[in-house]
Amino acid sequence: MANKGVNPSSTALLIIDLQNDFLHAEGAYGRAGQVSEQITGLPAKIRPVADALRAVGGWIVSTQFTLVPGKGGEPLISAHLKKLRPFLTKGDFAPGTWGHQLVDDLQPADITIEKIAYSAFYMTRLEWVLRRVGVDTLLVVGIVTNGGVASSVRDAHVRDFHTIVLNDGCGAFSREAHENAITDLTTIATVATCEDAIGLVTG
């Protein structure tokens, strides 16, 4: 990819769902044995990008998948998700909990957005906040490539954000799912590496 640089002050690292409940061994997915080395290794790859962007005045935006507590704290879980992940239970991905938080390696975030579906834009304040702080370029990382990442990138595209997907900063539960999603996203976004991204924000 050509290194044309970006304006750091109008660029955000958009981190999709890199939360303790997804990644940590003691989180909801870890306790259920739903782990992927491709996913758990992401924070170490992304951290240098976050550090580089922070150093030049860019934005770190973390979106947190959220299970909204209902009566008695029981989570409001969509039927399709309950079928797919029957192990999810009370307290998982609940706002304000350790499991809901961005993993330690990537903290702190400048902006945190609760999300209830695949897309970080669906029924959230994300677009309003990005416009408010003057962000027009997104470096997108997180999980899963074929779910939250792909949905958020497509929604960013139709909102005219300049979107750069960091291939090695995203992951899925299978290499094939990840690679197929990245291929599909090349029609609407630039695909780069974490190393490319550091060059873009510091060059």
N, C-alpha and C. Protein backbone atom coordinates (compact mmCIF):
# COMPACT_ATOMS: atom_id res chain seq x y z
N MET A 1 0.83 -1.19 0.00
CA MET A 1 0.00 0.00 0.00
C MET A 1 0.87 1.25 0.00
N ALA A 2 0.46 2.25 -0.74
CA ALA A 2 1.23 3.49 -0.82
C ALA A 2 1.13 4.25 0.49
N ASN A 3 2.24 4.75 0.99
CA ASN A 3 2.27 5.49 2.25
C ASN A 3 2.07 6.97 1.97
N LYS A 4 0.84 7.42 2.04
CA LYS A 4 0.52 8.82 1.80
C LYS A 4 0.33 9.57 3.11
N GLY A 5 0.36 8.85 4.21
CA GLY A 5 0.19 9.48 5.51
C GLY A 5 -1.26 9.85 5.80
N VAL A 6 -1.53 10.11 7.05
CA VAL A 6 -2.85 10.57 7.48
C VAL A 6 -2.65 11.73 8.44
N ASN A 7 -3.69 12.49 8.66
CA ASN A 7 -3.65 13.57 9.64
C ASN A 7 -3.97 12.97 11.01
N PRO A 8 -3.00 12.88 11.91
CA PRO A 8 -3.26 12.20 13.19
C PRO A 8 -4.43 12.78 13.97
N SER A 9 -4.59 14.10 13.93
CA SER A 9 -5.64 14.71 14.74
C SER A 9 -7.04 14.34 14.27
N SER A 10 -7.16 13.89 13.02
CA SER A 10 -8.47 13.48 12.52
C SER A 10 -8.53 11.98 12.26
N THR A 11 -7.65 11.23 12.93
CA THR A 11 -7.58 9.78 12.76
C THR A 11 -7.84 9.08 14.09
N ALA A 12 -8.63 8.01 14.04
CA ALA A 12 -8.91 7.22 15.23
C ALA A 12 -8.58 5.76 14.98
N LEU A 13 -8.00 5.13 15.99
CA LEU A 13 -7.88 3.68 16.00
C LEU A 13 -9.19 3.16 16.57
N LEU A 14 -9.97 2.50 15.73
CA LEU A 14 -11.27 1.98 16.15
C LEU A 14 -11.10 0.52 16.55
N ILE A 15 -11.18 0.26 17.84
CA ILE A 15 -10.95 -1.08 18.40
C ILE A 15 -12.30 -1.75 18.62
N ILE A 16 -12.53 -2.84 17.89
CA ILE A 16 -13.81 -3.53 17.97
C ILE A 16 -13.74 -4.71 18.93
N ASP A 17 -14.39 -4.59 20.08
CA ASP A 17 -14.69 -5.72 20.96
C ASP A 17 -13.50 -6.44 21.58
N LEU A 18 -12.38 -5.77 21.77
CA LEU A 18 -11.24 -6.45 22.41
C LEU A 18 -11.38 -6.30 23.93
N GLN A 19 -12.25 -7.12 24.47
CA GLN A 19 -12.67 -7.03 25.86
C GLN A 19 -12.23 -8.26 26.64
N ASN A 20 -12.15 -8.11 27.94
CA ASN A 20 -11.76 -9.23 28.80
C ASN A 20 -12.67 -10.43 28.64
N ASP A 21 -13.97 -10.22 28.51
CA ASP A 21 -14.89 -11.36 28.38
C ASP A 21 -14.66 -12.15 27.09
N PHE A 22 -14.08 -11.53 26.08
CA PHE A 22 -13.74 -12.24 24.85
C PHE A 22 -12.34 -12.86 24.91
N LEU A 23 -11.36 -12.13 25.46
CA LEU A 23 -9.96 -12.51 25.31
C LEU A 23 -9.32 -13.17 26.52
N HIS A 24 -9.70 -12.78 27.71
CA HIS A 24 -9.02 -13.25 28.91
C HIS A 24 -9.45 -14.67 29.28
N ALA A 25 -8.53 -15.45 29.81
CA ALA A 25 -8.84 -16.83 30.19
C ALA A 25 -9.95 -16.90 31.23
N GLU A 26 -10.10 -15.84 32.03
CA GLU A 26 -11.14 -15.84 33.06
C GLU A 26 -12.41 -15.12 32.61
N GLY A 27 -12.43 -14.70 31.35
CA GLY A 27 -13.62 -14.04 30.82
C GLY A 27 -14.66 -15.05 30.38
N ALA A 28 -15.78 -14.56 29.89
CA ALA A 28 -16.91 -15.42 29.52
C ALA A 28 -16.52 -16.46 28.48
N TYR A 29 -15.82 -16.06 27.44
CA TYR A 29 -15.44 -16.99 26.38
C TYR A 29 -14.32 -17.93 26.84
N GLY A 30 -13.39 -17.42 27.62
CA GLY A 30 -12.30 -18.25 28.12
C GLY A 30 -12.81 -19.36 29.03
N ARG A 31 -13.74 -19.03 29.91
CA ARG A 31 -14.31 -20.03 30.82
C ARG A 31 -15.04 -21.12 30.05
N ALA A 32 -15.59 -20.75 28.89
CA ALA A 32 -16.34 -21.71 28.08
C ALA A 32 -15.45 -22.46 27.08
N GLY A 33 -14.16 -22.17 27.10
CA GLY A 33 -13.26 -22.84 26.18
C GLY A 33 -13.34 -22.33 24.75
N GLN A 34 -13.94 -21.16 24.57
CA GLN A 34 -14.08 -20.57 23.24
C GLN A 34 -12.91 -19.62 23.00
N VAL A 35 -11.75 -20.18 22.69
CA VAL A 35 -10.56 -19.35 22.53
C VAL A 35 -9.94 -19.56 21.16
N SER A 36 -9.19 -18.58 20.72
CA SER A 36 -8.49 -18.63 19.43
C SER A 36 -7.17 -17.90 19.60
N GLU A 37 -6.07 -18.56 19.26
CA GLU A 37 -4.76 -17.91 19.38
C GLU A 37 -4.68 -16.67 18.49
N GLN A 38 -5.35 -16.73 17.34
CA GLN A 38 -5.34 -15.58 16.44
C GLN A 38 -5.96 -14.37 17.14
N ILE A 39 -6.97 -14.61 17.97
CA ILE A 39 -7.65 -13.52 18.66
C ILE A 39 -6.88 -13.07 19.89
N THR A 40 -6.43 -14.00 20.72
CA THR A 40 -5.77 -13.62 21.97
C THR A 40 -4.44 -12.92 21.72
N GLY A 41 -3.85 -13.12 20.55
CA GLY A 41 -2.58 -12.47 20.25
C GLY A 41 -2.71 -11.07 19.67
N LEU A 42 -3.94 -10.60 19.44
CA LEU A 42 -4.14 -9.31 18.80
C LEU A 42 -3.64 -8.10 19.59
N PRO A 43 -3.90 -8.02 20.90
CA PRO A 43 -3.48 -6.80 21.61
C PRO A 43 -1.99 -6.49 21.47
N ALA A 44 -1.14 -7.51 21.48
CA ALA A 44 0.30 -7.27 21.35
C ALA A 44 0.65 -6.70 19.99
N LYS A 45 -0.10 -7.07 18.95
CA LYS A 45 0.15 -6.56 17.60
C LYS A 45 -0.36 -5.13 17.45
N ILE A 46 -1.45 -4.84 18.14
CA ILE A 46 -2.12 -3.54 18.00
C ILE A 46 -1.47 -2.47 18.88
N ARG A 47 -0.92 -2.87 20.00
CA ARG A 47 -0.38 -1.91 20.98
C ARG A 47 0.59 -0.90 20.36
N PRO A 48 1.53 -1.32 19.51
CA PRO A 48 2.44 -0.32 18.92
C PRO A 48 1.71 0.72 18.06
N VAL A 49 0.62 0.32 17.42
CA VAL A 49 -0.17 1.26 16.62
C VAL A 49 -0.83 2.28 17.55
N ALA A 50 -1.43 1.77 18.63
CA ALA A 50 -2.08 2.66 19.59
C ALA A 50 -1.08 3.64 20.20
N ASP A 51 0.08 3.14 20.56
CA ASP A 51 1.10 4.01 21.16
C ASP A 51 1.56 5.09 20.17
N ALA A 52 1.76 4.68 18.91
CA ALA A 52 2.20 5.64 17.89
C ALA A 52 1.14 6.71 17.65
N LEU A 53 -0.11 6.31 17.61
CA LEU A 53 -1.18 7.27 17.36
C LEU A 53 -1.37 8.20 18.55
N ARG A 54 -1.28 7.66 19.75
CA ARG A 54 -1.37 8.52 20.95
C ARG A 54 -0.27 9.59 20.94
N ALA A 55 0.93 9.16 20.54
CA ALA A 55 2.08 10.06 20.60
C ALA A 55 1.96 11.25 19.67
N VAL A 56 1.15 11.12 18.61
CA VAL A 56 1.02 12.22 17.66
C VAL A 56 -0.36 12.89 17.73
N GLY A 57 -1.12 12.58 18.79
CA GLY A 57 -2.36 13.30 19.03
C GLY A 57 -3.61 12.70 18.41
N GLY A 58 -3.53 11.43 17.97
CA GLY A 58 -4.71 10.78 17.42
C GLY A 58 -5.63 10.26 18.50
N TRP A 59 -6.69 9.62 18.08
CA TRP A 59 -7.75 9.16 18.99
C TRP A 59 -7.76 7.64 19.10
N ILE A 60 -8.02 7.15 20.31
CA ILE A 60 -8.22 5.73 20.56
C ILE A 60 -9.68 5.55 20.95
N VAL A 61 -10.42 4.81 20.12
CA VAL A 61 -11.85 4.61 20.35
C VAL A 61 -12.12 3.12 20.52
N SER A 62 -12.65 2.76 21.66
CA SER A 62 -12.94 1.36 21.96
C SER A 62 -14.44 1.12 21.96
N THR A 63 -14.87 0.12 21.19
CA THR A 63 -16.29 -0.25 21.21
C THR A 63 -16.42 -1.55 21.99
N GLN A 64 -17.39 -1.57 22.88
CA GLN A 64 -17.55 -2.69 23.80
C GLN A 64 -18.87 -3.42 23.53
N PHE A 65 -18.77 -4.69 23.12
CA PHE A 65 -20.00 -5.47 23.00
C PHE A 65 -20.66 -5.54 24.37
N THR A 66 -21.96 -5.34 24.38
CA THR A 66 -22.68 -5.20 25.64
C THR A 66 -23.93 -6.07 25.67
N LEU A 67 -24.10 -6.79 26.79
CA LEU A 67 -25.36 -7.48 27.07
C LEU A 67 -26.07 -6.65 28.13
N VAL A 68 -27.11 -5.98 27.71
CA VAL A 68 -27.82 -5.06 28.62
C VAL A 68 -28.55 -5.87 29.69
N PRO A 69 -28.33 -5.57 30.97
CA PRO A 69 -29.03 -6.30 32.02
C PRO A 69 -30.51 -5.92 32.07
N GLY A 70 -31.36 -6.92 32.22
CA GLY A 70 -32.78 -6.69 32.39
C GLY A 70 -33.18 -6.89 33.85
N LYS A 71 -34.38 -7.35 34.09
CA LYS A 71 -34.85 -7.58 35.45
C LYS A 71 -33.97 -8.60 36.16
N GLY A 72 -33.60 -8.27 37.38
CA GLY A 72 -32.76 -9.18 38.15
C GLY A 72 -31.36 -9.32 37.61
N GLY A 73 -31.01 -8.44 36.67
CA GLY A 73 -29.67 -8.50 36.09
C GLY A 73 -29.51 -9.52 34.98
N GLU A 74 -30.58 -10.22 34.64
CA GLU A 74 -30.49 -11.20 33.56
C GLU A 74 -30.25 -10.48 32.23
N PRO A 75 -29.30 -10.94 31.45
CA PRO A 75 -28.95 -10.22 30.22
C PRO A 75 -30.02 -10.36 29.13
N LEU A 76 -30.21 -9.29 28.39
CA LEU A 76 -31.11 -9.32 27.25
C LEU A 76 -30.30 -9.82 26.05
N ILE A 77 -30.46 -11.09 25.72
CA ILE A 77 -29.66 -11.73 24.67
C ILE A 77 -30.53 -12.04 23.47
N SER A 78 -30.09 -11.60 22.30
CA SER A 78 -30.82 -11.90 21.06
C SER A 78 -30.90 -13.42 20.88
N ALA A 79 -32.00 -13.88 20.29
CA ALA A 79 -32.22 -15.32 20.14
C ALA A 79 -31.11 -15.99 19.35
N HIS A 80 -30.64 -15.33 18.28
CA HIS A 80 -29.60 -15.96 17.47
C HIS A 80 -28.29 -16.11 18.25
N LEU A 81 -27.99 -15.13 19.11
CA LEU A 81 -26.77 -15.18 19.90
C LEU A 81 -26.89 -16.24 21.00
N LYS A 82 -28.04 -16.34 21.61
CA LYS A 82 -28.25 -17.35 22.64
C LYS A 82 -28.08 -18.75 22.06
N LYS A 83 -28.53 -18.95 20.84
CA LYS A 83 -28.38 -20.25 20.19
C LYS A 83 -26.91 -20.51 19.85
N LEU A 84 -26.22 -19.48 19.42
CA LEU A 84 -24.83 -19.62 19.02
C LEU A 84 -23.90 -19.74 20.22
N ARG A 85 -24.19 -19.00 21.30
CA ARG A 85 -23.34 -18.98 22.48
C ARG A 85 -24.18 -19.22 23.74
N PRO A 86 -24.65 -20.46 23.92
CA PRO A 86 -25.55 -20.76 25.05
C PRO A 86 -24.90 -20.59 26.42
N PHE A 87 -23.58 -20.49 26.48
CA PHE A 87 -22.89 -20.34 27.76
C PHE A 87 -22.98 -18.94 28.34
N LEU A 88 -23.40 -17.95 27.56
CA LEU A 88 -23.50 -16.59 28.07
C LEU A 88 -24.53 -16.51 29.18
N THR A 89 -24.17 -15.82 30.25
CA THR A 89 -25.04 -15.81 31.41
C THR A 89 -25.00 -14.46 32.13
N LYS A 90 -25.69 -14.39 33.24
CA LYS A 90 -25.79 -13.17 34.03
C LYS A 90 -24.40 -12.65 34.39
N GLY A 91 -24.18 -11.37 34.13
CA GLY A 91 -22.92 -10.72 34.45
C GLY A 91 -21.94 -10.66 33.29
N ASP A 92 -22.14 -11.49 32.27
CA ASP A 92 -21.24 -11.46 31.11
C ASP A 92 -21.50 -10.20 30.28
N PHE A 93 -20.44 -9.52 29.89
CA PHE A 93 -20.50 -8.33 29.04
C PHE A 93 -21.43 -7.25 29.61
N ALA A 94 -21.54 -7.22 30.92
CA ALA A 94 -22.41 -6.23 31.57
C ALA A 94 -21.66 -4.92 31.75
N PRO A 95 -22.30 -3.79 31.46
CA PRO A 95 -21.65 -2.49 31.62
C PRO A 95 -21.07 -2.31 33.03
N GLY A 96 -19.86 -1.77 33.07
CA GLY A 96 -19.22 -1.49 34.35
C GLY A 96 -18.45 -2.64 34.96
N THR A 97 -18.51 -3.81 34.34
CA THR A 97 -17.81 -4.97 34.88
C THR A 97 -16.42 -5.11 34.25
N TRP A 98 -15.59 -5.90 34.92
CA TRP A 98 -14.24 -6.17 34.40
C TRP A 98 -14.31 -6.84 33.03
N GLY A 99 -15.21 -7.78 32.87
CA GLY A 99 -15.32 -8.50 31.60
C GLY A 99 -15.70 -7.62 30.43
N HIS A 100 -16.42 -6.56 30.70
CA HIS A 100 -16.88 -5.65 29.67
C HIS A 100 -15.77 -4.71 29.20
N GLN A 101 -14.73 -4.57 29.98
CA GLN A 101 -13.70 -3.56 29.72
C GLN A 101 -12.74 -3.95 28.59
N LEU A 102 -12.17 -2.91 27.99
CA LEU A 102 -11.06 -3.08 27.05
C LEU A 102 -9.91 -3.77 27.77
N VAL A 103 -9.22 -4.69 27.08
CA VAL A 103 -8.10 -5.39 27.71
C VAL A 103 -7.02 -4.40 28.15
N ASP A 104 -6.33 -4.75 29.21
CA ASP A 104 -5.35 -3.84 29.82
C ASP A 104 -4.29 -3.37 28.83
N ASP A 105 -3.82 -4.26 27.95
CA ASP A 105 -2.73 -3.92 27.04
C ASP A 105 -3.04 -2.74 26.12
N LEU A 106 -4.32 -2.46 25.91
CA LEU A 106 -4.70 -1.41 24.97
C LEU A 106 -5.28 -0.17 25.66
N GLN A 107 -5.40 -0.21 26.95
CA GLN A 107 -5.92 0.96 27.67
C GLN A 107 -4.85 2.05 27.77
N PRO A 108 -5.30 3.31 27.93
CA PRO A 108 -6.68 3.76 28.02
C PRO A 108 -7.25 4.14 26.66
N ALA A 109 -8.55 4.09 26.55
CA ALA A 109 -9.24 4.60 25.37
C ALA A 109 -9.67 6.04 25.63
N ASP A 110 -9.64 6.86 24.61
CA ASP A 110 -10.13 8.23 24.74
C ASP A 110 -11.65 8.26 24.77
N ILE A 111 -12.24 7.36 24.00
CA ILE A 111 -13.70 7.29 23.89
C ILE A 111 -14.10 5.83 23.96
N THR A 112 -15.15 5.52 24.72
CA THR A 112 -15.66 4.16 24.82
C THR A 112 -17.13 4.16 24.42
N ILE A 113 -17.47 3.23 23.55
CA ILE A 113 -18.83 3.14 23.01
C ILE A 113 -19.42 1.77 23.31
N GLU A 114 -20.56 1.72 23.98
CA GLU A 114 -21.27 0.45 24.15
C GLU A 114 -21.99 0.10 22.86
N LYS A 115 -21.91 -1.16 22.46
CA LYS A 115 -22.60 -1.62 21.26
C LYS A 115 -23.38 -2.88 21.57
N ILE A 116 -24.50 -3.06 20.88
CA ILE A 116 -25.37 -4.19 21.20
C ILE A 116 -25.52 -5.16 20.03
N ALA A 117 -24.85 -4.86 18.92
CA ALA A 117 -24.96 -5.70 17.74
C ALA A 117 -23.60 -5.75 17.07
N TYR A 118 -23.53 -6.38 15.89
CA TYR A 118 -22.25 -6.49 15.20
C TYR A 118 -21.64 -5.12 14.92
N SER A 119 -22.41 -4.23 14.29
CA SER A 119 -21.86 -2.94 13.90
C SER A 119 -21.72 -2.00 15.08
N ALA A 120 -20.57 -1.32 15.14
CA ALA A 120 -20.35 -0.34 16.19
C ALA A 120 -21.18 0.93 15.97
N PHE A 121 -21.78 1.06 14.80
CA PHE A 121 -22.61 2.22 14.49
C PHE A 121 -24.09 1.99 14.77
N TYR A 122 -24.51 0.74 14.89
CA TYR A 122 -25.94 0.44 15.03
C TYR A 122 -26.46 0.88 16.40
N MET A 123 -27.34 1.87 16.39
CA MET A 123 -28.00 2.37 17.60
C MET A 123 -27.00 2.81 18.68
N THR A 124 -25.86 3.39 18.25
CA THR A 124 -24.89 3.92 19.21
C THR A 124 -24.63 5.39 18.90
N ARG A 125 -23.82 6.03 19.73
CA ARG A 125 -23.46 7.44 19.53
C ARG A 125 -22.14 7.57 18.79
N LEU A 126 -21.62 6.48 18.22
CA LEU A 126 -20.29 6.50 17.63
C LEU A 126 -20.15 7.56 16.54
N GLU A 127 -21.05 7.59 15.58
CA GLU A 127 -20.92 8.56 14.50
C GLU A 127 -20.94 9.98 15.04
N TRP A 128 -21.83 10.26 15.96
CA TRP A 128 -21.94 11.61 16.52
C TRP A 128 -20.62 12.02 17.17
N VAL A 129 -20.03 11.11 17.95
CA VAL A 129 -18.79 11.42 18.65
C VAL A 129 -17.65 11.65 17.66
N LEU A 130 -17.53 10.78 16.66
CA LEU A 130 -16.46 10.93 15.68
C LEU A 130 -16.57 12.26 14.93
N ARG A 131 -17.79 12.62 14.54
CA ARG A 131 -17.99 13.91 13.87
C ARG A 131 -17.65 15.06 14.81
N ARG A 132 -18.04 14.93 16.06
CA ARG A 132 -17.85 15.99 17.05
C ARG A 132 -16.38 16.30 17.27
N VAL A 133 -15.53 15.26 17.27
CA VAL A 133 -14.10 15.48 17.52
C VAL A 133 -13.30 15.64 16.23
N GLY A 134 -13.99 15.60 15.09
CA GLY A 134 -13.33 15.87 13.82
C GLY A 134 -12.61 14.70 13.19
N VAL A 135 -12.98 13.47 13.57
CA VAL A 135 -12.35 12.28 12.98
C VAL A 135 -12.99 11.95 11.64
N ASP A 136 -12.14 11.76 10.62
CA ASP A 136 -12.66 11.34 9.33
C ASP A 136 -11.96 10.08 8.79
N THR A 137 -10.93 9.62 9.52
CA THR A 137 -10.18 8.43 9.10
C THR A 137 -10.16 7.42 10.24
N LEU A 138 -10.47 6.17 9.91
CA LEU A 138 -10.52 5.11 10.91
C LEU A 138 -9.52 4.01 10.58
N LEU A 139 -8.69 3.66 11.54
CA LEU A 139 -7.84 2.48 11.46
C LEU A 139 -8.57 1.41 12.26
N VAL A 140 -9.08 0.39 11.59
CA VAL A 140 -9.99 -0.55 12.24
C VAL A 140 -9.27 -1.84 12.60
N VAL A 141 -9.42 -2.24 13.88
CA VAL A 141 -8.86 -3.49 14.38
C VAL A 141 -9.89 -4.17 15.27
N GLY A 142 -9.68 -5.46 15.56
CA GLY A 142 -10.54 -6.12 16.52
C GLY A 142 -11.13 -7.41 16.03
N ILE A 143 -12.26 -7.76 16.63
CA ILE A 143 -12.90 -9.06 16.37
C ILE A 143 -14.40 -8.90 16.20
N VAL A 144 -14.98 -9.95 15.58
CA VAL A 144 -14.32 -10.87 14.68
C VAL A 144 -14.35 -10.26 13.29
N THR A 145 -13.36 -10.64 12.48
CA THR A 145 -13.22 -10.00 11.17
C THR A 145 -14.49 -10.11 10.35
N ASN A 146 -15.11 -11.28 10.39
CA ASN A 146 -16.31 -11.53 9.59
C ASN A 146 -17.60 -11.13 10.31
N GLY A 147 -17.49 -10.52 11.47
CA GLY A 147 -18.66 -10.09 12.22
C GLY A 147 -18.62 -8.62 12.54
N GLY A 148 -18.19 -8.29 13.76
CA GLY A 148 -18.17 -6.90 14.19
C GLY A 148 -17.29 -6.00 13.35
N VAL A 149 -16.14 -6.52 12.92
CA VAL A 149 -15.25 -5.70 12.10
C VAL A 149 -15.90 -5.41 10.75
N ALA A 150 -16.33 -6.45 10.04
CA ALA A 150 -16.90 -6.27 8.71
C ALA A 150 -18.14 -5.37 8.75
N SER A 151 -19.01 -5.60 9.72
CA SER A 151 -20.23 -4.79 9.82
C SER A 151 -19.92 -3.33 10.10
N SER A 152 -18.97 -3.08 10.98
CA SER A 152 -18.60 -1.71 11.32
C SER A 152 -17.93 -1.01 10.15
N VAL A 153 -17.08 -1.73 9.42
CA VAL A 153 -16.41 -1.14 8.26
C VAL A 153 -17.43 -0.78 7.19
N ARG A 154 -18.39 -1.64 6.95
CA ARG A 154 -19.40 -1.34 5.93
C ARG A 154 -20.23 -0.12 6.34
N ASP A 155 -20.57 -0.04 7.61
CA ASP A 155 -21.34 1.12 8.07
C ASP A 155 -20.49 2.40 8.03
N ALA A 156 -19.20 2.28 8.29
CA ALA A 156 -18.32 3.44 8.18
C ALA A 156 -18.23 3.91 6.73
N HIS A 157 -18.18 2.95 5.82
CA HIS A 157 -18.08 3.26 4.39
C HIS A 157 -19.29 4.07 3.91
N VAL A 158 -20.48 3.66 4.27
CA VAL A 158 -21.66 4.38 3.80
C VAL A 158 -21.79 5.75 4.48
N ARG A 159 -21.03 5.96 5.55
CA ARG A 159 -21.01 7.26 6.22
C ARG A 159 -19.83 8.13 5.77
N ASP A 160 -19.14 7.66 4.73
CA ASP A 160 -18.05 8.42 4.10
C ASP A 160 -16.83 8.63 4.98
N PHE A 161 -16.56 7.71 5.90
CA PHE A 161 -15.29 7.74 6.61
C PHE A 161 -14.24 7.06 5.74
N HIS A 162 -13.02 7.59 5.78
CA HIS A 162 -11.88 6.92 5.14
C HIS A 162 -11.48 5.78 6.07
N THR A 163 -11.63 4.56 5.59
CA THR A 163 -11.49 3.40 6.47
C THR A 163 -10.33 2.52 6.03
N ILE A 164 -9.44 2.24 6.97
CA ILE A 164 -8.27 1.39 6.73
C ILE A 164 -8.35 0.20 7.69
N VAL A 165 -8.49 -0.99 7.15
CA VAL A 165 -8.57 -2.20 7.96
C VAL A 165 -7.17 -2.77 8.13
N LEU A 166 -6.76 -2.99 9.37
CA LEU A 166 -5.44 -3.54 9.64
C LEU A 166 -5.55 -5.06 9.70
N ASN A 167 -5.10 -5.70 8.64
CA ASN A 167 -5.27 -7.14 8.46
C ASN A 167 -4.78 -7.93 9.66
N ASP A 168 -3.55 -7.67 10.08
CA ASP A 168 -2.98 -8.43 11.20
C ASP A 168 -3.42 -7.90 12.56
N GLY A 169 -4.27 -6.87 12.56
CA GLY A 169 -4.86 -6.37 13.79
C GLY A 169 -6.29 -6.85 13.99
N CYS A 170 -6.73 -7.75 13.11
CA CYS A 170 -8.08 -8.32 13.21
C CYS A 170 -7.97 -9.84 13.31
N GLY A 171 -9.01 -10.47 13.82
CA GLY A 171 -8.98 -11.92 13.94
C GLY A 171 -10.37 -12.50 13.97
N ALA A 172 -10.44 -13.81 13.68
CA ALA A 172 -11.70 -14.55 13.71
C ALA A 172 -11.42 -15.91 14.32
N PHE A 173 -12.46 -16.73 14.41
CA PHE A 173 -12.28 -18.04 15.02
C PHE A 173 -11.73 -19.06 14.04
N SER A 174 -11.56 -18.66 12.78
CA SER A 174 -10.85 -19.51 11.82
C SER A 174 -10.10 -18.61 10.85
N ARG A 175 -8.95 -19.08 10.38
CA ARG A 175 -8.15 -18.32 9.43
C ARG A 175 -8.93 -18.08 8.15
N GLU A 176 -9.68 -19.09 7.71
CA GLU A 176 -10.44 -18.96 6.47
C GLU A 176 -11.49 -17.86 6.57
N ALA A 177 -12.21 -17.82 7.70
CA ALA A 177 -13.22 -16.77 7.88
C ALA A 177 -12.59 -15.40 7.86
N HIS A 178 -11.44 -15.27 8.50
CA HIS A 178 -10.73 -13.99 8.52
C HIS A 178 -10.32 -13.58 7.11
N GLU A 179 -9.68 -14.47 6.39
CA GLU A 179 -9.16 -14.13 5.06
C GLU A 179 -10.28 -13.82 4.07
N ASN A 180 -11.37 -14.58 4.14
CA ASN A 180 -12.51 -14.31 3.25
C ASN A 180 -13.10 -12.94 3.53
N ALA A 181 -13.20 -12.59 4.81
CA ALA A 181 -13.77 -11.28 5.17
C ALA A 181 -12.86 -10.15 4.70
N ILE A 182 -11.56 -10.31 4.87
CA ILE A 182 -10.62 -9.28 4.43
C ILE A 182 -10.72 -9.09 2.91
N THR A 183 -10.81 -10.18 2.19
CA THR A 183 -10.95 -10.10 0.72
C THR A 183 -12.20 -9.32 0.35
N ASP A 184 -13.30 -9.61 1.02
CA ASP A 184 -14.56 -8.92 0.73
C ASP A 184 -14.45 -7.42 1.03
N LEU A 185 -13.73 -7.06 2.08
CA LEU A 185 -13.65 -5.66 2.50
C LEU A 185 -12.76 -4.81 1.60
N THR A 186 -11.95 -5.45 0.77
CA THR A 186 -11.08 -4.66 -0.12
C THR A 186 -11.87 -3.84 -1.13
N THR A 187 -13.15 -4.16 -1.32
CA THR A 187 -13.96 -3.39 -2.27
C THR A 187 -14.43 -2.06 -1.69
N ILE A 188 -14.36 -1.91 -0.36
CA ILE A 188 -14.88 -0.69 0.26
C ILE A 188 -13.88 -0.01 1.20
N ALA A 189 -12.75 -0.65 1.45
CA ALA A 189 -11.78 -0.10 2.39
C ALA A 189 -10.36 -0.41 1.93
N THR A 190 -9.42 0.36 2.43
CA THR A 190 -8.00 0.05 2.24
C THR A 190 -7.61 -1.02 3.25
N VAL A 191 -6.84 -1.99 2.83
CA VAL A 191 -6.32 -3.01 3.75
C VAL A 191 -4.82 -2.80 3.92
N ALA A 192 -4.37 -2.75 5.17
CA ALA A 192 -2.97 -2.50 5.48
C ALA A 192 -2.55 -3.38 6.64
N THR A 193 -1.30 -3.26 7.06
CA THR A 193 -0.80 -3.97 8.23
C THR A 193 -0.62 -2.99 9.38
N CYS A 194 -0.38 -3.53 10.56
CA CYS A 194 -0.10 -2.66 11.71
C CYS A 194 1.17 -1.85 11.48
N GLU A 195 2.16 -2.46 10.86
CA GLU A 195 3.39 -1.73 10.54
C GLU A 195 3.11 -0.59 9.57
N ASP A 196 2.28 -0.87 8.55
CA ASP A 196 1.88 0.20 7.62
C ASP A 196 1.24 1.35 8.38
N ALA A 197 0.38 1.02 9.32
CA ALA A 197 -0.37 2.04 10.06
C ALA A 197 0.55 2.94 10.85
N ILE A 198 1.58 2.36 11.45
CA ILE A 198 2.53 3.17 12.21
C ILE A 198 3.22 4.16 11.28
N GLY A 199 3.59 3.69 10.07
CA GLY A 199 4.19 4.57 9.09
C GLY A 199 3.25 5.69 8.66
N LEU A 200 1.96 5.37 8.55
CA LEU A 200 0.98 6.37 8.13
C LEU A 200 0.83 7.49 9.15
N VAL A 201 0.82 7.11 10.44
CA VAL A 201 0.56 8.13 11.45
C VAL A 201 1.81 8.88 11.88
N THR A 202 2.97 8.30 11.64
CA THR A 202 4.22 8.98 12.03
C THR A 202 4.95 9.61 10.85
N GLY A 203 4.52 9.22 9.63
CA GLY A 203 5.18 9.75 8.43
C GLY A 203 4.64 11.08 8.06
